[in-house]
Amino acid sequence: MPHDPLRQELQQVVQRYAHRTHTLPADRYSLLRPEVWQMLHERQRAICQGLAARQWEPASLHLTEVGCGAGGNLLDFLRLGCRPEHLTGCELLPERLAQARELLPPAVRLEAGDASAVAIPPGSQDIVLQATVFSSLLDDAVQQHLANAMWRWLKPGGAVLWYDFTVNNPRNPDVRGVPLARVHQLFPQAVTWDAHRLTLAPPLARRLCALHPSLYTVFNAVPWLRTHRLIWIQKAD
């Protein structure tokens, strides 16, 4: 795609993230908040179930995360048994990449800037992970450009591991939901799709957990109150 639209969108992502950082409460994503740790544990269980179903051995997996943030997801894969030298994280925001570098072992490869420009050999990754990155990209062409790079990196039989929300947040114009139909458009060559609805709508979860943490589980049992999807998007062998 032309370089200028890509550069403009990435600059706007940085600006939008800076705006959210300055307007949200400092503890909004703290793991000490009951809704946050329950969302995280739910997602971790789903990922572990997906790995077990595919009988993939973590120590042998090569994984790249697009938008690795401060490194929390990569740290989870290290705990699962992945080898640090097999992990790569790409992050657009320098301050978050610096946090990841402090948290993760030196053998984990961390790359700054535009993830689609990172020199990852084609067909080299078992898993390419993205978690709430595409909902921050408001340009369709930029979304497709990044999806193409992620698909190119995958080995035959590998999978994109996708976690993102599916519905728009009317209170936050800086993001947009990515419905399942759009994910199919982004990865038309996928041979299998394994999609799961997760995550009680965060605004609702915050209100309920302020009353009592156990209410997260009660209301999360209603599928249409879950706003995110975790999807294994499989490439042909």
C-alpha atoms as a PDB file:
ATOM      1  CA  MET A   1       0.000   0.000   0.000  1.00  0.00           C
ATOM      2  CA  PRO A   2       1.184   3.650  -0.370  1.00  0.00           C
ATOM      3  CA  HIS A   3       3.527   4.659   2.400  1.00  0.00           C
ATOM      4  CA  ASP A   4       1.855   7.960   3.338  1.00  0.00           C
ATOM      5  CA  PRO A   5      -1.577   6.573   4.375  1.00  0.00           C
ATOM      6  CA  LEU A   6       0.161   3.928   6.481  1.00  0.00           C
ATOM      7  CA  ARG A   7       2.396   6.480   8.157  1.00  0.00           C
ATOM      8  CA  GLN A   8      -0.531   8.824   8.777  1.00  0.00           C
ATOM      9  CA  GLU A   9      -2.647   6.109  10.360  1.00  0.00           C
ATOM     10  CA  LEU A  10       0.199   4.967  12.622  1.00  0.00           C
ATOM     11  CA  GLN A  11       0.802   8.545  13.731  1.00  0.00           C
ATOM     12  CA  GLN A  12      -2.880   8.882  14.536  1.00  0.00           C
ATOM     13  CA  VAL A  13      -2.774   5.648  16.536  1.00  0.00           C
ATOM     14  CA  VAL A  14       0.000   7.128  18.667  1.00  0.00           C
ATOM     15  CA  GLN A  15      -2.030  10.306  19.178  1.00  0.00           C
ATOM     16  CA  ARG A  16      -5.201   8.413  20.023  1.00  0.00           C
ATOM     17  CA  TYR A  17      -3.365   6.221  22.519  1.00  0.00           C
ATOM     18  CA  ALA A  18      -1.782   9.272  24.169  1.00  0.00           C
ATOM     19  CA  HIS A  19      -5.224  10.832  24.479  1.00  0.00           C
ATOM     20  CA  ARG A  20      -6.647   7.701  26.136  1.00  0.00           C
ATOM     21  CA  THR A  21      -3.675   7.494  28.489  1.00  0.00           C
ATOM     22  CA  HIS A  22      -4.257  11.019  29.747  1.00  0.00           C
ATOM     23  CA  THR A  23      -8.031  10.717  30.102  1.00  0.00           C
ATOM     24  CA  LEU A  24      -8.458   7.254  31.660  1.00  0.00           C
ATOM     25  CA  PRO A  25      -7.973   6.509  35.372  1.00  0.00           C
ATOM     26  CA  ALA A  26      -4.412   5.380  36.085  1.00  0.00           C
ATOM     27  CA  ASP A  27      -5.578   2.002  37.414  1.00  0.00           C
ATOM     28  CA  ARG A  28      -8.079   1.217  34.624  1.00  0.00           C
ATOM     29  CA  TYR A  29      -6.095  -1.859  33.493  1.00  0.00           C
ATOM     30  CA  SER A  30      -4.525  -2.801  36.821  1.00  0.00           C
ATOM     31  CA  LEU A  31      -4.521  -6.530  37.551  1.00  0.00           C
ATOM     32  CA  LEU A  32      -5.634  -5.676  41.077  1.00  0.00           C
ATOM     33  CA  ARG A  33      -9.047  -4.714  39.709  1.00  0.00           C
ATOM     34  CA  PRO A  34     -11.401  -7.735  39.884  1.00  0.00           C
ATOM     35  CA  GLU A  35     -12.853  -7.257  36.400  1.00  0.00           C
ATOM     36  CA  VAL A  36      -9.353  -7.053  34.881  1.00  0.00           C
ATOM     37  CA  TRP A  37      -7.961 -10.233  36.405  1.00  0.00           C
ATOM     38  CA  GLN A  38     -11.135 -12.146  35.567  1.00  0.00           C
ATOM     39  CA  MET A  39     -10.983 -11.030  31.932  1.00  0.00           C
ATOM     40  CA  LEU A  40      -7.312 -12.006  31.794  1.00  0.00           C
ATOM     41  CA  HIS A  41      -7.821 -15.418  33.378  1.00  0.00           C
ATOM     42  CA  GLU A  42     -10.727 -16.158  31.035  1.00  0.00           C
ATOM     43  CA  ARG A  43      -8.564 -15.369  28.006  1.00  0.00           C
ATOM     44  CA  GLN A  44      -5.612 -17.360  29.354  1.00  0.00           C
ATOM     45  CA  ARG A  45      -7.815 -20.426  29.855  1.00  0.00           C
ATOM     46  CA  ALA A  46      -9.137 -20.166  26.307  1.00  0.00           C
ATOM     47  CA  ILE A  47      -5.615 -19.918  24.883  1.00  0.00           C
ATOM     48  CA  CYS A  48      -4.433 -22.911  26.910  1.00  0.00           C
ATOM     49  CA  GLN A  49      -7.436 -24.916  25.713  1.00  0.00           C
ATOM     50  CA  GLY A  50      -6.629 -23.997  22.111  1.00  0.00           C
ATOM     51  CA  LEU A  51      -2.995 -25.049  22.451  1.00  0.00           C
ATOM     52  CA  ALA A  52      -3.976 -28.326  24.099  1.00  0.00           C
ATOM     53  CA  ALA A  53      -6.569 -29.075  21.398  1.00  0.00           C
ATOM     54  CA  ARG A  54      -3.893 -28.677  18.728  1.00  0.00           C
ATOM     55  CA  GLN A  55      -1.372 -30.710  20.736  1.00  0.00           C
ATOM     56  CA  TRP A  56       1.228 -28.016  20.209  1.00  0.00           C
ATOM     57  CA  GLU A  57       4.291 -28.181  22.436  1.00  0.00           C
ATOM     58  CA  PRO A  58       5.070 -24.641  23.695  1.00  0.00           C
ATOM     59  CA  ALA A  59       8.833 -25.170  23.775  1.00  0.00           C
ATOM     60  CA  SER A  60       8.875 -25.733  20.017  1.00  0.00           C
ATOM     61  CA  LEU A  61       6.636 -22.816  19.037  1.00  0.00           C
ATOM     62  CA  HIS A  62       7.863 -19.681  17.277  1.00  0.00           C
ATOM     63  CA  LEU A  63       5.530 -16.801  18.089  1.00  0.00           C
ATOM     64  CA  THR A  64       5.336 -13.138  17.120  1.00  0.00           C
ATOM     65  CA  GLU A  65       3.006 -10.661  18.793  1.00  0.00           C
ATOM     66  CA  VAL A  66       1.875  -7.580  16.920  1.00  0.00           C
ATOM     67  CA  GLY A  67       1.388  -4.772  19.417  1.00  0.00           C
ATOM     68  CA  CYS A  68       3.061  -6.466  22.375  1.00  0.00           C
ATOM     69  CA  GLY A  69       2.617  -3.469  24.667  1.00  0.00           C
ATOM     70  CA  ALA A  70       4.493  -3.846  27.941  1.00  0.00           C
ATOM     71  CA  GLY A  71       5.079  -7.564  27.301  1.00  0.00           C
ATOM     72  CA  GLY A  72       2.367  -9.175  29.406  1.00  0.00           C
ATOM     73  CA  ASN A  73       1.159 -11.627  26.750  1.00  0.00           C
ATOM     74  CA  LEU A  74       4.690 -12.678  25.854  1.00  0.00           C
ATOM     75  CA  LEU A  75       5.374 -13.251  29.540  1.00  0.00           C
ATOM     76  CA  ASP A  76       2.335 -15.542  29.682  1.00  0.00           C
ATOM     77  CA  PHE A  77       3.732 -17.626  26.817  1.00  0.00           C
ATOM     78  CA  LEU A  78       7.067 -17.875  28.611  1.00  0.00           C
ATOM     79  CA  ARG A  79       5.206 -19.243  31.632  1.00  0.00           C
ATOM     80  CA  LEU A  80       3.551 -21.796  29.356  1.00  0.00           C
ATOM     81  CA  GLY A  81       6.992 -23.070  28.350  1.00  0.00           C
ATOM     82  CA  CYS A  82       7.866 -21.111  25.214  1.00  0.00           C
ATOM     83  CA  ARG A  83      11.553 -20.419  24.746  1.00  0.00           C
ATOM     84  CA  PRO A  84      12.499 -16.726  24.888  1.00  0.00           C
ATOM     85  CA  GLU A  85      14.635 -16.947  21.745  1.00  0.00           C
ATOM     86  CA  HIS A  86      11.529 -18.128  19.859  1.00  0.00           C
ATOM     87  CA  LEU A  87       9.459 -15.050  20.793  1.00  0.00           C
ATOM     88  CA  THR A  88       9.215 -11.698  19.006  1.00  0.00           C
ATOM     89  CA  GLY A  89       7.266  -8.641  20.060  1.00  0.00           C
ATOM     90  CA  CYS A  90       6.496  -5.633  17.851  1.00  0.00           C
ATOM     91  CA  GLU A  91       5.348  -2.384  19.446  1.00  0.00           C
ATOM     92  CA  LEU A  92       4.590   1.025  17.980  1.00  0.00           C
ATOM     93  CA  LEU A  93       4.865   3.029  21.226  1.00  0.00           C
ATOM     94  CA  PRO A  94       8.452   3.495  22.491  1.00  0.00           C
ATOM     95  CA  GLU A  95       7.481   3.873  26.148  1.00  0.00           C
ATOM     96  CA  ARG A  96       5.591   0.580  26.143  1.00  0.00           C
ATOM     97  CA  LEU A  97       8.425  -1.187  24.329  1.00  0.00           C
ATOM     98  CA  ALA A  98      10.820   0.072  27.022  1.00  0.00           C
ATOM     99  CA  GLN A  99       8.561  -1.469  29.666  1.00  0.00           C
ATOM    100  CA  ALA A 100       8.581  -4.773  27.790  1.00  0.00           C
ATOM    101  CA  ARG A 101      12.369  -4.706  27.595  1.00  0.00           C
ATOM    102  CA  GLU A 102      12.570  -4.327  31.381  1.00  0.00           C
ATOM    103  CA  LEU A 103      10.099  -7.167  31.966  1.00  0.00           C
ATOM    104  CA  LEU A 104      11.191  -9.806  29.466  1.00  0.00           C
ATOM    105  CA  PRO A 105      14.405 -11.838  29.166  1.00  0.00           C
ATOM    106  CA  PRO A 106      17.053 -10.376  26.823  1.00  0.00           C
ATOM    107  CA  ALA A 107      16.636 -13.304  24.409  1.00  0.00           C
ATOM    108  CA  VAL A 108      13.124 -12.150  23.488  1.00  0.00           C
ATOM    109  CA  ARG A 109      13.364 -10.135  20.277  1.00  0.00           C
ATOM    110  CA  LEU A 110      11.621  -6.759  20.518  1.00  0.00           C
ATOM    111  CA  GLU A 111      11.091  -4.490  17.520  1.00  0.00           C
ATOM    112  CA  ALA A 112       9.962  -0.859  17.494  1.00  0.00           C
ATOM    113  CA  GLY A 113       7.660   0.893  15.057  1.00  0.00           C
ATOM    114  CA  ASP A 114       5.497  -0.427  12.231  1.00  0.00           C
ATOM    115  CA  ALA A 115       5.035  -4.163  12.766  1.00  0.00           C
ATOM    116  CA  SER A 116       4.406  -4.827   9.070  1.00  0.00           C
ATOM    117  CA  ALA A 117       7.924  -3.578   8.286  1.00  0.00           C
ATOM    118  CA  VAL A 118       9.706  -5.895  10.726  1.00  0.00           C
ATOM    119  CA  ALA A 119      12.064  -8.345   9.001  1.00  0.00           C
ATOM    120  CA  ILE A 120      10.420 -11.623   9.985  1.00  0.00           C
ATOM    121  CA  PRO A 121      11.161 -14.416   7.506  1.00  0.00           C
ATOM    122  CA  PRO A 122       8.105 -15.637   5.590  1.00  0.00           C
ATOM    123  CA  GLY A 123       6.802 -18.988   6.785  1.00  0.00           C
ATOM    124  CA  SER A 124       8.768 -18.859  10.039  1.00  0.00           C
ATOM    125  CA  GLN A 125       6.114 -18.469  12.768  1.00  0.00           C
ATOM    126  CA  ASP A 126       3.773 -21.023  14.297  1.00  0.00           C
ATOM    127  CA  ILE A 127       1.574 -18.355  15.896  1.00  0.00           C
ATOM    128  CA  VAL A 128       1.120 -14.669  15.146  1.00  0.00           C
ATOM    129  CA  LEU A 129      -0.801 -13.013  17.962  1.00  0.00           C
ATOM    130  CA  GLN A 130      -2.757  -9.782  18.018  1.00  0.00           C
ATOM    131  CA  ALA A 131      -4.777  -8.582  21.000  1.00  0.00           C
ATOM    132  CA  THR A 132      -6.933  -5.464  20.532  1.00  0.00           C
ATOM    133  CA  VAL A 133      -4.653  -4.001  17.864  1.00  0.00           C
ATOM    134  CA  PHE A 134      -6.981  -4.092  14.852  1.00  0.00           C
ATOM    135  CA  SER A 135      -9.759  -2.303  16.730  1.00  0.00           C
ATOM    136  CA  SER A 136      -7.340   0.640  17.066  1.00  0.00           C
ATOM    137  CA  LEU A 137      -6.736   0.798  13.305  1.00  0.00           C
ATOM    138  CA  LEU A 138      -9.496   2.883  11.729  1.00  0.00           C
ATOM    139  CA  ASP A 139      -8.216   2.626   8.147  1.00  0.00           C
ATOM    140  CA  ASP A 140      -9.362  -0.503   6.274  1.00  0.00           C
ATOM    141  CA  ALA A 141      -6.327  -0.551   3.997  1.00  0.00           C
ATOM    142  CA  VAL A 142      -3.930  -0.347   6.945  1.00  0.00           C
ATOM    143  CA  GLN A 143      -5.754  -3.231   8.620  1.00  0.00           C
ATOM    144  CA  GLN A 144      -5.402  -5.326   5.477  1.00  0.00           C
ATOM    145  CA  HIS A 145      -1.739  -4.400   5.046  1.00  0.00           C
ATOM    146  CA  LEU A 146      -0.950  -5.632   8.561  1.00  0.00           C
ATOM    147  CA  ALA A 147      -3.070  -8.765   8.148  1.00  0.00           C
ATOM    148  CA  ASN A 148      -1.178  -9.626   4.958  1.00  0.00           C
ATOM    149  CA  ALA A 149       2.154  -9.338   6.783  1.00  0.00           C
ATOM    150  CA  MET A 150       0.934 -11.544   9.643  1.00  0.00           C
ATOM    151  CA  TRP A 151      -0.286 -14.187   7.204  1.00  0.00           C
ATOM    152  CA  ARG A 152       2.993 -14.089   5.288  1.00  0.00           C
ATOM    153  CA  TRP A 153       4.974 -14.815   8.456  1.00  0.00           C
ATOM    154  CA  LEU A 154       3.007 -17.973   9.294  1.00  0.00           C
ATOM    155  CA  LYS A 155       4.325 -21.445   8.640  1.00  0.00           C
ATOM    156  CA  PRO A 156       2.051 -23.887   6.797  1.00  0.00           C
ATOM    157  CA  GLY A 157      -0.283 -25.195   9.484  1.00  0.00           C
ATOM    158  CA  GLY A 158       0.338 -22.177  11.708  1.00  0.00           C
ATOM    159  CA  ALA A 159      -2.338 -19.871  13.050  1.00  0.00           C
ATOM    160  CA  VAL A 160      -3.147 -16.271  13.695  1.00  0.00           C
ATOM    161  CA  LEU A 161      -4.323 -15.995  17.294  1.00  0.00           C
ATOM    162  CA  TRP A 162      -6.813 -13.133  17.333  1.00  0.00           C
ATOM    163  CA  TYR A 163      -8.376 -11.419  20.355  1.00  0.00           C
ATOM    164  CA  ASP A 164     -10.398  -8.273  19.790  1.00  0.00           C
ATOM    165  CA  PHE A 165     -13.799  -6.762  20.404  1.00  0.00           C
ATOM    166  CA  THR A 166     -16.564  -6.996  17.880  1.00  0.00           C
ATOM    167  CA  VAL A 167     -18.866  -4.058  18.605  1.00  0.00           C
ATOM    168  CA  ASN A 168     -18.334  -0.308  18.503  1.00  0.00           C
ATOM    169  CA  ASN A 169     -18.010   1.656  21.716  1.00  0.00           C
ATOM    170  CA  PRO A 170     -20.113   4.814  21.276  1.00  0.00           C
ATOM    171  CA  ARG A 171     -18.158   6.500  24.057  1.00  0.00           C
ATOM    172  CA  ASN A 172     -14.790   5.892  22.390  1.00  0.00           C
ATOM    173  CA  PRO A 173     -14.449   7.090  18.778  1.00  0.00           C
ATOM    174  CA  ASP A 174     -10.743   6.162  18.810  1.00  0.00           C
ATOM    175  CA  VAL A 175     -11.571   2.470  18.336  1.00  0.00           C
ATOM    176  CA  ARG A 176     -14.034   0.397  16.355  1.00  0.00           C
ATOM    177  CA  GLY A 177     -15.260  -3.137  16.698  1.00  0.00           C
ATOM    178  CA  VAL A 178     -14.039  -5.800  14.270  1.00  0.00           C
ATOM    179  CA  PRO A 179     -16.916  -8.200  13.552  1.00  0.00           C
ATOM    180  CA  LEU A 180     -16.308 -11.770  12.489  1.00  0.00           C
ATOM    181  CA  ALA A 181     -17.222 -10.999   8.873  1.00  0.00           C
ATOM    182  CA  ARG A 182     -14.447  -8.425   8.743  1.00  0.00           C
ATOM    183  CA  VAL A 183     -11.927 -10.904  10.158  1.00  0.00           C
ATOM    184  CA  HIS A 184     -12.871 -13.292   7.342  1.00  0.00           C
ATOM    185  CA  GLN A 185     -12.174 -10.497   4.848  1.00  0.00           C
ATOM    186  CA  LEU A 186      -8.763  -9.864   6.380  1.00  0.00           C
ATOM    187  CA  PHE A 187      -7.709 -13.549   6.185  1.00  0.00           C
ATOM    188  CA  PRO A 188      -9.536 -15.019   3.182  1.00  0.00           C
ATOM    189  CA  GLN A 189      -7.045 -17.858   2.735  1.00  0.00           C
ATOM    190  CA  ALA A 190      -7.689 -19.423   6.144  1.00  0.00           C
ATOM    191  CA  VAL A 191      -8.770 -23.066   6.035  1.00  0.00           C
ATOM    192  CA  THR A 192     -10.293 -23.360   9.524  1.00  0.00           C
ATOM    193  CA  TRP A 193     -11.748 -20.919  12.037  1.00  0.00           C
ATOM    194  CA  ASP A 194     -12.134 -21.633  15.735  1.00  0.00           C
ATOM    195  CA  ALA A 195     -13.955 -18.663  17.281  1.00  0.00           C
ATOM    196  CA  HIS A 196     -15.047 -18.185  20.896  1.00  0.00           C
ATOM    197  CA  ARG A 197     -16.999 -15.327  22.463  1.00  0.00           C
ATOM    198  CA  LEU A 198     -15.193 -14.030  25.568  1.00  0.00           C
ATOM    199  CA  THR A 199     -15.072 -11.091  27.950  1.00  0.00           C
ATOM    200  CA  LEU A 200     -18.052  -9.534  29.660  1.00  0.00           C
ATOM    201  CA  ALA A 201     -18.575  -6.031  28.228  1.00  0.00           C
ATOM    202  CA  PRO A 202     -15.947  -4.003  30.115  1.00  0.00           C
ATOM    203  CA  PRO A 203     -18.190  -1.033  31.087  1.00  0.00           C
ATOM    204  CA  LEU A 204     -20.712  -3.492  32.532  1.00  0.00           C
ATOM    205  CA  ALA A 205     -17.973  -5.574  34.159  1.00  0.00           C
ATOM    206  CA  ARG A 206     -16.566  -2.532  35.938  1.00  0.00           C
ATOM    207  CA  ARG A 207     -19.956  -1.604  37.388  1.00  0.00           C
ATOM    208  CA  LEU A 208     -20.800  -5.153  38.459  1.00  0.00           C
ATOM    209  CA  CYS A 209     -17.421  -5.891  40.036  1.00  0.00           C
ATOM    210  CA  ALA A 210     -17.663  -2.668  42.034  1.00  0.00           C
ATOM    211  CA  LEU A 211     -20.654  -4.321  43.703  1.00  0.00           C
ATOM    212  CA  HIS A 212     -19.092  -7.783  44.017  1.00  0.00           C
ATOM    213  CA  PRO A 213     -16.420  -9.623  41.965  1.00  0.00           C
ATOM    214  CA  SER A 214     -18.550 -12.781  41.689  1.00  0.00           C
ATOM    215  CA  LEU A 215     -21.066 -10.913  39.521  1.00  0.00           C
ATOM    216  CA  TYR A 216     -18.590 -11.098  36.624  1.00  0.00           C
ATOM    217  CA  THR A 217     -19.065 -14.863  36.370  1.00  0.00           C
ATOM    218  CA  VAL A 218     -22.842 -14.629  36.753  1.00  0.00           C
ATOM    219  CA  PHE A 219     -23.361 -12.121  33.939  1.00  0.00           C
ATOM    220  CA  ASN A 220     -20.606 -13.544  31.732  1.00  0.00           C
ATOM    221  CA  ALA A 221     -22.698 -16.701  31.456  1.00  0.00           C
ATOM    222  CA  VAL A 222     -24.969 -14.748  29.075  1.00  0.00           C
ATOM    223  CA  PRO A 223     -23.253 -15.045  25.641  1.00  0.00           C
ATOM    224  CA  TRP A 224     -24.635 -11.831  24.134  1.00  0.00           C
ATOM    225  CA  LEU A 225     -23.070  -9.811  26.971  1.00  0.00           C
ATOM    226  CA  ARG A 226     -19.594 -10.904  25.822  1.00  0.00           C
ATOM    227  CA  THR A 227     -18.022  -8.320  23.513  1.00  0.00           C
ATOM    228  CA  HIS A 228     -14.773  -9.971  22.344  1.00  0.00           C
ATOM    229  CA  ARG A 229     -13.797 -12.957  20.243  1.00  0.00           C
ATOM    230  CA  LEU A 230     -10.761 -15.178  20.558  1.00  0.00           C
ATOM    231  CA  ILE A 231     -10.171 -16.815  17.165  1.00  0.00           C
ATOM    232  CA  TRP A 232      -7.651 -19.375  15.933  1.00  0.00           C
ATOM    233  CA  ILE A 233      -7.267 -18.638  12.205  1.00  0.00           C
ATOM    234  CA  GLN A 234      -5.519 -21.622  10.668  1.00  0.00           C
ATOM    235  CA  LYS A 235      -3.283 -21.679   7.605  1.00  0.00           C
ATOM    236  CA  ALA A 236      -3.276 -24.691   5.297  1.00  0.00           C
ATOM    237  CA  ASP A 237      -0.561 -27.313   5.844  1.00  0.00           C
END
